PDB file of N, CA and C in Angstrom:
ATOM      1  N   MET A   1      -6.402  -2.097   6.873  1.00  0.00           N
ATOM      2  CA  MET A   1      -6.001  -0.749   6.530  1.00  0.00           C
ATOM      3  C   MET A   1      -6.676   0.205   7.516  1.00  0.00           C
ATOM      4  N   SER A   2      -5.958   1.225   7.891  1.00  0.00           N
ATOM      5  CA  SER A   2      -6.468   2.229   8.820  1.00  0.00           C
ATOM      6  C   SER A   2      -7.716   2.914   8.252  1.00  0.00           C
ATOM      7  N   PRO A   3      -8.670   3.277   9.104  1.00  0.00           N
ATOM      8  CA  PRO A   3      -9.855   3.989   8.603  1.00  0.00           C
ATOM      9  C   PRO A   3      -9.514   5.374   8.042  1.00  0.00           C
ATOM     10  N   ASN A   4      -8.336   5.890   8.368  1.00  0.00           N
ATOM     11  CA  ASN A   4      -7.902   7.193   7.848  1.00  0.00           C
ATOM     12  C   ASN A   4      -6.912   7.035   6.704  1.00  0.00           C
ATOM     13  N   ALA A   5      -7.013   5.925   5.975  1.00  0.00           N
ATOM     14  CA  ALA A   5      -6.118   5.670   4.852  1.00  0.00           C
ATOM     15  C   ALA A   5      -6.927   5.231   3.641  1.00  0.00           C
ATOM     16  N   SER A   6      -6.351   5.421   2.470  1.00  0.00           N
ATOM     17  CA  SER A   6      -7.005   4.984   1.241  1.00  0.00           C
ATOM     18  C   SER A   6      -5.956   4.776   0.162  1.00  0.00           C
ATOM     19  N   PHE A   7      -6.381   4.157  -0.929  1.00  0.00           N
ATOM     20  CA  PHE A   7      -5.513   4.037  -2.090  1.00  0.00           C
ATOM     21  C   PHE A   7      -6.348   4.097  -3.353  1.00  0.00           C
ATOM     22  N   ALA A   8      -5.703   4.516  -4.421  1.00  0.00           N
ATOM     23  CA  ALA A   8      -6.366   4.594  -5.718  1.00  0.00           C
ATOM     24  C   ALA A   8      -5.472   3.949  -6.763  1.00  0.00           C
ATOM     25  N   VAL A   9      -6.091   3.311  -7.752  1.00  0.00           N
ATOM     26  CA  VAL A   9      -5.379   2.670  -8.851  1.00  0.00           C
ATOM     27  C   VAL A   9      -5.743   3.410 -10.131  1.00  0.00           C
ATOM     28  N   TYR A  10      -4.721   3.707 -10.915  1.00  0.00           N
ATOM     29  CA  TYR A  10      -4.905   4.420 -12.175  1.00  0.00           C
ATOM     30  C   TYR A  10      -4.368   3.577 -13.327  1.00  0.00           C
ATOM     31  N   ASP A  11      -5.026   3.654 -14.470  1.00  0.00           N
ATOM     32  CA  ASP A  11      -4.532   2.937 -15.641  1.00  0.00           C
ATOM     33  C   ASP A  11      -3.444   3.765 -16.330  1.00  0.00           C
ATOM     34  N   ALA A  12      -2.894   3.250 -17.419  1.00  0.00           N
ATOM     35  CA  ALA A  12      -1.787   3.902 -18.120  1.00  0.00           C
ATOM     36  C   ALA A  12      -2.159   5.281 -18.660  1.00  0.00           C
ATOM     37  N   LYS A  13      -3.446   5.529 -18.871  1.00  0.00           N
ATOM     38  CA  LYS A  13      -3.895   6.835 -19.389  1.00  0.00           C
ATOM     39  C   LYS A  13      -4.176   7.837 -18.271  1.00  0.00           C
ATOM     40  N   GLY A  14      -4.050   7.387 -17.002  1.00  0.00           N
ATOM     41  CA  GLY A  14      -4.286   8.281 -15.873  1.00  0.00           C
ATOM     42  C   GLY A  14      -5.710   8.293 -15.368  1.00  0.00           C
ATOM     43  N   SER A  15      -6.542   7.392 -15.883  1.00  0.00           N
ATOM     44  CA  SER A  15      -7.932   7.309 -15.405  1.00  0.00           C
ATOM     45  C   SER A  15      -7.985   6.449 -14.154  1.00  0.00           C
ATOM     46  N   CYS A  16      -8.717   6.904 -13.158  1.00  0.00           N
ATOM     47  CA  CYS A  16      -8.864   6.150 -11.919  1.00  0.00           C
ATOM     48  C   CYS A  16      -9.759   4.946 -12.184  1.00  0.00           C
ATOM     49  N   THR A  17      -9.219   3.746 -11.916  1.00  0.00           N
ATOM     50  CA  THR A  17      -9.988   2.521 -12.122  1.00  0.00           C
ATOM     51  C   THR A  17     -10.496   1.938 -10.816  1.00  0.00           C
ATOM     52  N   TYR A  18      -9.938   2.398  -9.691  1.00  0.00           N
ATOM     53  CA  TYR A  18     -10.377   1.908  -8.392  1.00  0.00           C
ATOM     54  C   TYR A  18     -10.001   2.914  -7.315  1.00  0.00           C
ATOM     55  N   PHE A  19     -10.921   3.168  -6.382  1.00  0.00           N
ATOM     56  CA  PHE A  19     -10.663   4.047  -5.241  1.00  0.00           C
ATOM     57  C   PHE A  19     -11.200   3.345  -4.006  1.00  0.00           C
ATOM     58  N   SER A  20     -10.341   3.052  -3.047  1.00  0.00           N
ATOM     59  CA  SER A  20     -10.717   2.219  -1.903  1.00  0.00           C
ATOM     60  C   SER A  20     -11.813   2.816  -1.025  1.00  0.00           C
ATOM     61  N   VAL A  21     -11.978   4.116  -1.018  1.00  0.00           N
ATOM     62  CA  VAL A  21     -13.006   4.747  -0.187  1.00  0.00           C
ATOM     63  C   VAL A  21     -14.401   4.302  -0.624  1.00  0.00           C
ATOM     64  N   ILE A  22     -14.587   4.102  -1.914  1.00  0.00           N
ATOM     65  CA  ILE A  22     -15.901   3.681  -2.406  1.00  0.00           C
ATOM     66  C   ILE A  22     -15.916   2.243  -2.897  1.00  0.00           C
ATOM     67  N   GLY A  23     -14.737   1.620  -3.045  1.00  0.00           N
ATOM     68  CA  GLY A  23     -14.673   0.277  -3.609  1.00  0.00           C
ATOM     69  C   GLY A  23     -14.798  -0.840  -2.599  1.00  0.00           C
ATOM     70  N   GLY A  24     -14.200  -0.673  -1.420  1.00  0.00           N
ATOM     71  CA  GLY A  24     -14.319  -1.663  -0.372  1.00  0.00           C
ATOM     72  C   GLY A  24     -13.441  -2.889  -0.462  1.00  0.00           C
ATOM     73  N   LYS A  25     -12.569  -3.000  -1.474  1.00  0.00           N
ATOM     74  CA  LYS A  25     -11.685  -4.159  -1.601  1.00  0.00           C
ATOM     75  C   LYS A  25     -10.334  -3.869  -0.954  1.00  0.00           C
ATOM     76  N   ASP A  26      -9.668  -4.936  -0.488  1.00  0.00           N
ATOM     77  CA  ASP A  26      -8.301  -4.811   0.012  1.00  0.00           C
ATOM     78  C   ASP A  26      -7.288  -5.225  -1.043  1.00  0.00           C
ATOM     79  N   GLN A  27      -7.739  -5.944  -2.070  1.00  0.00           N
ATOM     80  CA  GLN A  27      -6.844  -6.411  -3.129  1.00  0.00           C
ATOM     81  C   GLN A  27      -7.403  -6.022  -4.482  1.00  0.00           C
ATOM     82  N   VAL A  28      -6.549  -5.440  -5.303  1.00  0.00           N
ATOM     83  CA  VAL A  28      -6.926  -5.091  -6.670  1.00  0.00           C
ATOM     84  C   VAL A  28      -5.740  -5.362  -7.580  1.00  0.00           C
ATOM     85  N   GLU A  29      -6.014  -5.494  -8.869  1.00  0.00           N
ATOM     86  CA  GLU A  29      -4.957  -5.724  -9.854  1.00  0.00           C
ATOM     87  C   GLU A  29      -4.527  -4.395 -10.465  1.00  0.00           C
ATOM     88  N   LEU A  30      -3.222  -4.203 -10.567  1.00  0.00           N
ATOM     89  CA  LEU A  30      -2.669  -2.997 -11.180  1.00  0.00           C
ATOM     90  C   LEU A  30      -2.615  -3.212 -12.687  1.00  0.00           C
ATOM     91  N   PRO A  31      -3.284  -2.354 -13.471  1.00  0.00           N
ATOM     92  CA  PRO A  31      -3.240  -2.498 -14.921  1.00  0.00           C
ATOM     93  C   PRO A  31      -1.820  -2.262 -15.449  1.00  0.00           C
ATOM     94  N   ALA A  32      -1.489  -2.891 -16.572  1.00  0.00           N
ATOM     95  CA  ALA A  32      -0.184  -2.683 -17.206  1.00  0.00           C
ATOM     96  C   ALA A  32       0.040  -1.195 -17.441  1.00  0.00           C
ATOM     97  N   GLY A  33       1.181  -0.682 -17.005  1.00  0.00           N
ATOM     98  CA  GLY A  33       1.501   0.729 -17.177  1.00  0.00           C
ATOM     99  C   GLY A  33       0.798   1.641 -16.199  1.00  0.00           C
ATOM    100  N   GLY A  34       0.055   1.068 -15.262  1.00  0.00           N
ATOM    101  CA  GLY A  34      -0.718   1.856 -14.310  1.00  0.00           C
ATOM    102  C   GLY A  34       0.102   2.286 -13.103  1.00  0.00           C
ATOM    103  N   SER A  35      -0.559   2.946 -12.162  1.00  0.00           N
ATOM    104  CA  SER A  35       0.111   3.417 -10.948  1.00  0.00           C
ATOM    105  C   SER A  35      -0.863   3.336  -9.773  1.00  0.00           C
ATOM    106  N   ILE A  36      -0.267   3.377  -8.567  1.00  0.00           N
ATOM    107  CA  ILE A  36      -1.046   3.349  -7.340  1.00  0.00           C
ATOM    108  C   ILE A  36      -0.688   4.566  -6.508  1.00  0.00           C
ATOM    109  N   VAL A  37      -1.683   5.188  -5.905  1.00  0.00           N
ATOM    110  CA  VAL A  37      -1.460   6.321  -4.997  1.00  0.00           C
ATOM    111  C   VAL A  37      -1.972   5.914  -3.621  1.00  0.00           C
ATOM    112  N   PHE A  38      -1.111   6.051  -2.614  1.00  0.00           N
ATOM    113  CA  PHE A  38      -1.469   5.739  -1.234  1.00  0.00           C
ATOM    114  C   PHE A  38      -1.616   7.033  -0.457  1.00  0.00           C
ATOM    115  N   ALA A  39      -2.627   7.117   0.397  1.00  0.00           N
ATOM    116  CA  ALA A  39      -2.837   8.299   1.232  1.00  0.00           C
ATOM    117  C   ALA A  39      -3.242   7.860   2.629  1.00  0.00           C
ATOM    118  N   GLY A  40      -2.737   8.574   3.638  1.00  0.00           N
ATOM    119  CA  GLY A  40      -3.105   8.244   5.009  1.00  0.00           C
ATOM    120  C   GLY A  40      -2.411   9.149   5.995  1.00  0.00           C
ATOM    121  N   ASP A  41      -2.772   8.996   7.254  1.00  0.00           N
ATOM    122  CA  ASP A  41      -2.127   9.759   8.317  1.00  0.00           C
ATOM    123  C   ASP A  41      -0.652   9.384   8.389  1.00  0.00           C
ATOM    124  N   ALA A  42       0.149  10.269   8.962  1.00  0.00           N
ATOM    125  CA  ALA A  42       1.568   9.970   9.166  1.00  0.00           C
ATOM    126  C   ALA A  42       1.691   8.676   9.960  1.00  0.00           C
ATOM    127  N   GLY A  43       2.576   7.793   9.513  1.00  0.00           N
ATOM    128  CA  GLY A  43       2.774   6.513  10.167  1.00  0.00           C
ATOM    129  C   GLY A  43       1.878   5.398   9.694  1.00  0.00           C
ATOM    130  N   THR A  44       0.940   5.690   8.802  1.00  0.00           N
ATOM    131  CA  THR A  44       0.059   4.644   8.262  1.00  0.00           C
ATOM    132  C   THR A  44       0.893   3.634   7.491  1.00  0.00           C
ATOM    133  N   LYS A  45       0.588   2.353   7.669  1.00  0.00           N
ATOM    134  CA  LYS A  45       1.321   1.288   6.983  1.00  0.00           C
ATOM    135  C   LYS A  45       0.399   0.602   5.978  1.00  0.00           C
ATOM    136  N   PHE A  46       0.941   0.356   4.796  1.00  0.00           N
ATOM    137  CA  PHE A  46       0.235  -0.383   3.753  1.00  0.00           C
ATOM    138  C   PHE A  46       1.031  -1.643   3.455  1.00  0.00           C
ATOM    139  N   GLU A  47       0.350  -2.741   3.240  1.00  0.00           N
ATOM    140  CA  GLU A  47       1.010  -3.986   2.861  1.00  0.00           C
ATOM    141  C   GLU A  47       0.804  -4.194   1.372  1.00  0.00           C
ATOM    142  N   VAL A  48       1.906  -4.311   0.644  1.00  0.00           N
ATOM    143  CA  VAL A  48       1.837  -4.457  -0.813  1.00  0.00           C
ATOM    144  C   VAL A  48       2.539  -5.757  -1.186  1.00  0.00           C
ATOM    145  N   SER A  49       1.914  -6.542  -2.050  1.00  0.00           N
ATOM    146  CA  SER A  49       2.555  -7.733  -2.560  1.00  0.00           C
ATOM    147  C   SER A  49       2.414  -7.760  -4.085  1.00  0.00           C
ATOM    148  N   ALA A  50       3.397  -8.344  -4.735  1.00  0.00           N
ATOM    149  CA  ALA A  50       3.381  -8.427  -6.203  1.00  0.00           C
ATOM    150  C   ALA A  50       3.504  -9.884  -6.617  1.00  0.00           C
ATOM    151  N   GLN A  51       2.833 -10.210  -7.703  1.00  0.00           N
ATOM    152  CA  GLN A  51       2.909 -11.573  -8.235  1.00  0.00           C
ATOM    153  C   GLN A  51       3.398 -11.558  -9.644  1.00  0.00           C
TER     154      GLN A  51
END
C-alpha cells in the first residue's frame, strides 16, 4: 500500500475497529454489517479480496 494511503474498518454501529495508520496490518476481517473506508492520493490502488 502506498505510504500516502490508508484504510479504516467500522463495525455495524459505526465504531472504528481498525485504522491502518496506527494498526500496521495489510489484512483485516470486516465485521458483519460493517464497512471499509479507503483514502489515498489520486490514482492510489488498493487490492481487496473476499472469502
